[in-house]
Protein backbone atom coordinates (compact mmCIF):
# COMPACT_ATOMS: atom_id res chain seq x y z
CA UNK A 1 5.68 -7.56 6.27
CA UNK A 2 4.32 -4.11 7.01
CA UNK A 3 0.79 -3.01 7.76
CA UNK A 4 0.58 0.76 8.12
CA UNK A 5 -1.85 2.35 10.55
CA UNK A 6 -0.76 6.01 10.58
CA UNK A 7 -0.19 8.74 8.01
CA UNK A 8 3.35 8.85 6.61
CA UNK A 9 5.75 11.84 6.86
CA UNK A 10 5.92 14.47 4.13
CA UNK A 11 7.27 13.12 0.84
CA UNK A 12 6.85 9.41 1.58
CA UNK A 13 5.31 7.44 -1.28
CA UNK A 14 2.01 6.63 0.36
CA UNK A 15 -0.53 5.66 -2.29
CA UNK A 16 -0.54 4.23 -5.81
CA UNK A 17 -3.36 4.03 -8.27
CA UNK A 18 -3.86 3.31 -11.94
CA UNK A 19 -6.18 4.95 -14.46
CA UNK A 20 -7.93 2.21 -16.45
CA UNK A 21 -10.56 2.20 -19.17
CA UNK A 22 -11.89 -1.26 -18.21
CA UNK A 23 -11.91 -1.79 -14.45
CA UNK A 24 -13.27 -5.32 -14.62
CA UNK A 25 -10.55 -6.43 -17.03
CA UNK A 26 -7.90 -4.75 -14.85
CA UNK A 27 -9.24 -6.54 -11.78
CA UNK A 28 -8.98 -9.85 -13.59
CA UNK A 29 -5.37 -9.22 -14.66
CA UNK A 30 -4.02 -7.87 -11.38
CA UNK A 31 -5.94 -10.41 -9.35
CA UNK A 32 -4.22 -13.15 -11.32
CA UNK A 33 -0.77 -11.55 -10.96
CA UNK A 34 -0.82 -10.52 -7.28
CA UNK A 35 -3.74 -12.44 -5.78
CA UNK A 36 -5.52 -9.18 -5.01
CA UNK A 37 -9.17 -9.03 -4.10
CA UNK A 38 -11.17 -5.87 -4.69
CA UNK A 39 -13.58 -3.65 -2.85
CA UNK A 40 -17.02 -2.76 -4.13
CA UNK A 41 -16.88 0.30 -6.41
CA UNK A 42 -16.87 3.64 -4.62
CA UNK A 43 -17.76 7.09 -5.93
CA UNK A 44 -16.85 7.38 -9.59
CA UNK A 45 -16.31 3.63 -9.84
CA UNK A 46 -12.95 3.70 -8.01
CA UNK A 47 -12.05 0.34 -6.45
CA UNK A 48 -9.44 -0.62 -3.89
CA UNK A 49 -7.09 -3.57 -4.40
CA UNK A 50 -7.02 -5.59 -1.19
CA UNK A 51 -4.14 -7.70 0.06
CA UNK A 52 -5.13 -9.87 3.01
CA UNK A 53 -8.04 -7.53 3.62
CA UNK A 54 -6.01 -4.29 3.64
CA UNK A 55 -5.81 -1.68 0.87
CA UNK A 56 -2.71 -2.03 -1.29
CA UNK A 57 -3.56 0.09 -4.36
CA UNK A 58 -6.42 1.59 -6.35
CA UNK A 59 -7.96 1.36 -9.81
CA UNK A 60 -9.61 4.49 -11.20
CA UNK A 61 -11.93 4.31 -14.22
CA UNK A 62 -11.29 6.88 -16.96
CA UNK A 63 -12.57 7.38 -20.51
CA UNK A 64 -10.44 6.08 -23.35
CA UNK A 65 -7.88 8.77 -24.27
CA UNK A 66 -7.92 10.26 -27.76
CA UNK A 67 -4.15 9.75 -28.09
CA UNK A 68 -2.99 6.85 -25.92
CA UNK A 69 0.37 7.36 -24.22
CA UNK A 70 2.41 4.91 -22.13
CA UNK A 71 0.64 4.53 -18.79
CA UNK A 72 2.21 4.16 -15.37
CA UNK A 73 0.99 3.60 -11.89
CA UNK A 74 0.72 7.04 -10.26
CA UNK A 75 2.61 7.49 -7.01
CA UNK A 76 1.20 9.91 -4.44
CA UNK A 77 3.49 11.51 -1.89
CA UNK A 78 2.27 12.07 1.64
CA UNK A 79 1.50 15.53 2.97
CA UNK A 80 -0.38 16.80 6.01
CA UNK A 81 -1.41 19.93 4.05
CA UNK A 82 -2.23 19.20 0.42
CA UNK A 83 -2.89 22.84 -0.44
CA UNK A 84 0.39 24.10 0.99
CA UNK A 85 2.41 21.37 -0.73
CA UNK A 86 0.62 22.06 -4.02
CA UNK A 87 1.74 25.68 -3.74
CA UNK A 88 5.31 24.50 -3.18
CA UNK A 89 5.03 22.41 -6.36
CA UNK A 90 4.15 25.51 -8.35
CA UNK A 91 6.77 27.68 -6.69
CA UNK A 92 9.45 25.08 -7.47
CA UNK A 93 8.60 25.00 -11.17
CA UNK A 94 6.10 22.17 -11.38
CA UNK A 95 2.50 22.24 -12.58
CA UNK A 96 -0.58 21.26 -10.59
CA UNK A 97 -2.90 19.58 -13.10
CA UNK A 98 -5.83 18.74 -10.80
CA UNK A 99 -6.94 19.77 -7.33
CA UNK A 100 -6.41 20.03 -4.52
CA UNK A 101 -9.75 18.28 -4.13
CA UNK A 102 -11.51 16.50 -1.29
CA UNK A 103 -12.11 12.80 -1.85
CA UNK A 104 -14.99 12.53 0.58
CA UNK A 105 -13.84 11.26 3.95
CA UNK A 106 -10.90 9.42 2.35
CA UNK A 107 -8.63 12.48 2.17
CA UNK A 108 -7.50 15.33 -0.08
CA UNK A 109 -5.63 14.88 -3.36
CA UNK A 110 -3.79 16.85 -6.02
CA UNK A 111 -2.16 15.72 -9.25
CA UNK A 112 0.95 17.40 -10.60
CA UNK A 113 3.76 17.21 -13.14
CA UNK A 114 7.40 17.95 -12.30
CA UNK A 115 9.63 20.15 -14.53
CA UNK A 116 10.80 17.08 -16.44
CA UNK A 117 7.27 15.96 -17.29
CA UNK A 118 6.83 13.13 -14.76
CA UNK A 119 3.35 12.88 -13.23
CA UNK A 120 2.78 12.30 -9.52
CA UNK A 121 0.19 12.95 -6.86
CA UNK A 122 -0.12 14.42 -3.39
CA UNK A 123 -2.18 12.68 -0.74
CA UNK A 124 -3.41 14.08 2.58
CA UNK A 125 -4.86 11.13 4.42
CA UNK A 126 -8.29 11.03 5.99
CA UNK A 127 -9.91 7.66 6.55
CA UNK A 128 -7.58 6.40 3.79
CA UNK A 129 -4.04 6.96 5.01
CA UNK A 130 -2.67 5.45 1.78
CA UNK A 131 -1.40 1.95 1.12
CA UNK A 132 -2.07 -0.12 4.21
CA UNK A 133 0.13 -2.99 3.00
CA UNK A 134 3.69 -2.31 1.81
CA UNK A 135 7.05 -4.09 1.69
CA UNK A 136 5.60 -7.57 1.32
CA UNK A 137 4.72 -9.79 -1.63
CA UNK A 138 1.84 -8.31 -3.60
CA UNK A 139 2.41 -4.75 -2.40
CA UNK A 140 4.39 -1.59 -3.11
CA UNK A 141 8.11 -1.85 -2.42
CA UNK A 142 9.58 1.32 -3.95
CA UNK A 143 9.32 4.06 -6.57
CA UNK A 144 12.11 5.54 -8.69
CA UNK A 145 12.05 8.31 -11.27
CA UNK A 146 13.71 7.88 -14.67
CA UNK A 147 14.44 11.01 -16.69
CA UNK A 148 16.78 12.22 -19.42
CA UNK A 149 17.64 15.40 -17.48
CA UNK A 150 17.91 14.65 -13.76
CA UNK A 151 19.43 17.87 -12.41
CA UNK A 152 16.29 20.09 -12.56
CA UNK A 153 14.03 17.44 -11.05
CA UNK A 154 16.46 16.67 -8.24
CA UNK A 155 16.36 20.34 -7.36
CA UNK A 156 12.57 20.38 -7.67
CA UNK A 157 11.92 17.49 -5.29
CA UNK A 158 14.32 18.80 -2.67
CA UNK A 159 12.43 22.12 -2.68
CA UNK A 160 8.96 20.58 -2.52
CA UNK A 161 9.56 17.83 0.05
CA UNK A 162 12.77 18.93 1.84
CA UNK A 163 14.55 15.84 0.55
CA UNK A 164 18.31 15.49 0.74
CA UNK A 165 20.33 13.78 -2.00
CA UNK A 166 22.70 10.88 -1.56
CA UNK A 167 24.82 9.01 -4.09
CA UNK A 168 24.85 5.26 -4.51
CA UNK A 169 28.27 3.61 -4.34
CA UNK A 170 26.75 0.32 -5.48
CA UNK A 171 25.85 1.94 -8.82
CA UNK A 172 28.98 3.94 -9.51
CA UNK A 173 28.51 3.80 -13.29
CA UNK A 174 24.89 4.99 -13.15
CA UNK A 175 23.60 8.54 -12.76
CA UNK A 176 21.50 7.59 -9.75
CA UNK A 177 20.70 9.61 -6.65
CA UNK A 178 18.80 8.51 -3.56
CA UNK A 179 16.10 10.83 -2.21
CA UNK A 180 15.94 10.96 1.57
CA UNK A 181 13.52 12.57 3.99
CA UNK A 182 15.01 14.93 6.58
CA UNK A 183 15.09 12.01 9.03
CA UNK A 184 17.38 10.11 6.62
CA UNK A 185 14.78 7.59 5.45
CA UNK A 186 15.23 6.67 1.78
CA UNK A 187 12.00 7.16 -0.18
CA UNK A 188 13.26 6.33 -3.69
CA UNK A 189 15.67 7.69 -6.24
CA UNK A 190 16.20 9.53 -9.49
CA UNK A 191 17.96 7.84 -12.40
CA UNK A 192 19.32 9.87 -15.28
CA UNK A 193 19.14 8.02 -18.59
CA UNK A 194 20.34 10.02 -21.62
CA UNK A 195 17.79 9.79 -24.39
CA UNK A 196 15.01 8.47 -22.18
CA UNK A 197 11.84 9.04 -24.24
CA UNK A 198 9.74 10.28 -21.30
CA UNK A 199 10.19 11.06 -17.63
CA UNK A 200 8.15 8.83 -15.35
CA UNK A 201 7.93 7.51 -11.82
CA UNK A 202 8.16 3.73 -11.87
CA UNK A 203 6.49 1.38 -9.42
CA UNK A 204 8.12 -1.78 -8.11
CA UNK A 205 5.89 -4.39 -6.47
CA UNK A 206 7.47 -6.95 -4.19
CA UNK A 207 6.85 -10.60 -5.03
CA UNK A 208 7.97 -13.88 -3.51
CA UNK A 209 9.04 -15.40 -6.83
CA UNK A 210 9.81 -13.13 -9.79
CA UNK A 211 9.74 -15.85 -12.45
CA UNK A 212 6.44 -17.31 -11.25
CA UNK A 213 4.87 -13.85 -11.12
CA UNK A 214 6.15 -13.05 -14.61
CA UNK A 215 4.66 -16.28 -15.89
CA UNK A 216 1.28 -15.46 -14.34
CA UNK A 217 1.38 -11.98 -15.88
CA UNK A 218 2.13 -13.40 -19.32
CA UNK A 219 -0.64 -15.98 -19.02
CA UNK A 220 -3.08 -13.24 -18.01
CA UNK A 221 -2.34 -11.19 -21.12
CA UNK A 222 0.59 -9.02 -20.06
CA UNK A 223 3.86 -8.50 -21.92
CA UNK A 224 6.91 -9.57 -19.94
CA UNK A 225 10.61 -8.92 -20.38
CA UNK A 226 12.87 -11.75 -19.29
CA UNK A 227 13.58 -11.59 -15.52
CA UNK A 228 17.08 -10.48 -14.59
CA UNK A 229 19.22 -10.50 -11.48
CA UNK A 230 20.34 -7.17 -10.03
CA UNK A 231 22.22 -6.01 -6.96
CA UNK A 232 18.93 -5.65 -5.13
CA UNK A 233 17.14 -8.80 -6.24
CA UNK A 234 15.59 -10.48 -9.25
CA UNK A 235 13.25 -8.24 -11.24
CA UNK A 236 11.00 -8.39 -14.28
CA UNK A 237 9.47 -5.55 -16.27
CA UNK A 238 5.82 -6.08 -17.16
CA UNK A 239 3.35 -4.19 -19.33
CA UNK A 240 -0.25 -4.95 -18.48
CA UNK A 241 -2.82 -5.65 -21.25
CA UNK A 242 -3.82 -1.97 -21.22
CA UNK A 243 -0.32 -0.54 -21.71
CA UNK A 244 0.68 0.27 -18.13
CA UNK A 245 4.29 -0.50 -17.20
CA UNK A 246 5.41 -1.76 -13.79
CA UNK A 247 8.18 -3.89 -12.29
CA UNK A 248 8.06 -6.85 -9.94
CA UNK A 249 10.96 -7.97 -7.82
CA UNK A 250 11.96 -10.54 -5.23
CA UNK A 251 14.57 -9.52 -2.69
CA UNK A 252 17.83 -11.42 -2.33
CA UNK A 253 17.56 -14.16 0.25
CA UNK A 254 19.89 -12.29 2.60
CA UNK A 255 18.13 -8.91 2.26
CA UNK A 256 16.62 -7.39 5.43
CA UNK A 257 12.83 -7.13 5.60
CA UNK A 258 11.48 -3.63 6.30
């Protein structure tokens, strides 16, 4: 179990939030799935999901879109200078779609899209360093990017965050590359899938029991694919009642705890 108390190094997935039309309905669903409690609404109606009293994620109210598209939890990468990193995004071929903007005392944020079309955020922590709970049931475990054309985005992320690339011998048949910070810490990966309909960063939440969590999600109104065993644990893909896709996973019993 990990409770974070300091800002993370450049490029570390540090915060996740979800745009929702109906915050109260989202609170009901995710509370049932993960046991989250929620803060009182802040400016703009934004609420924090709380795991054992610490912030694990956010829900952000938005108007209903004119043309709904598949939604995903947005991952924000840590930076100690949001403006400078936003400039690097542009210089590397990405597009900054919002910000950088101050979020009161919480920090400074920008939203961007990489050259393959995957959305992500930048977060410069203030009083909110990011997710305070990670790597434990009910919290963020990892993020991976799926795209039909991985080469340009691998180049993009190495330029923006100084990542290095590393292959995965456990997935020799897959076009998968680990992304590592300069200190060698793995922050996620990029998976090339020919014909993938859209590029997107996925979010994997750790759970204690994948099947039980999947059952709770289905009972709460989500759509669940049958859980499956993988090299890294048992996972299930879930779409919440509002169309947002995420994955839950329980580690193998012999896996180390971060």
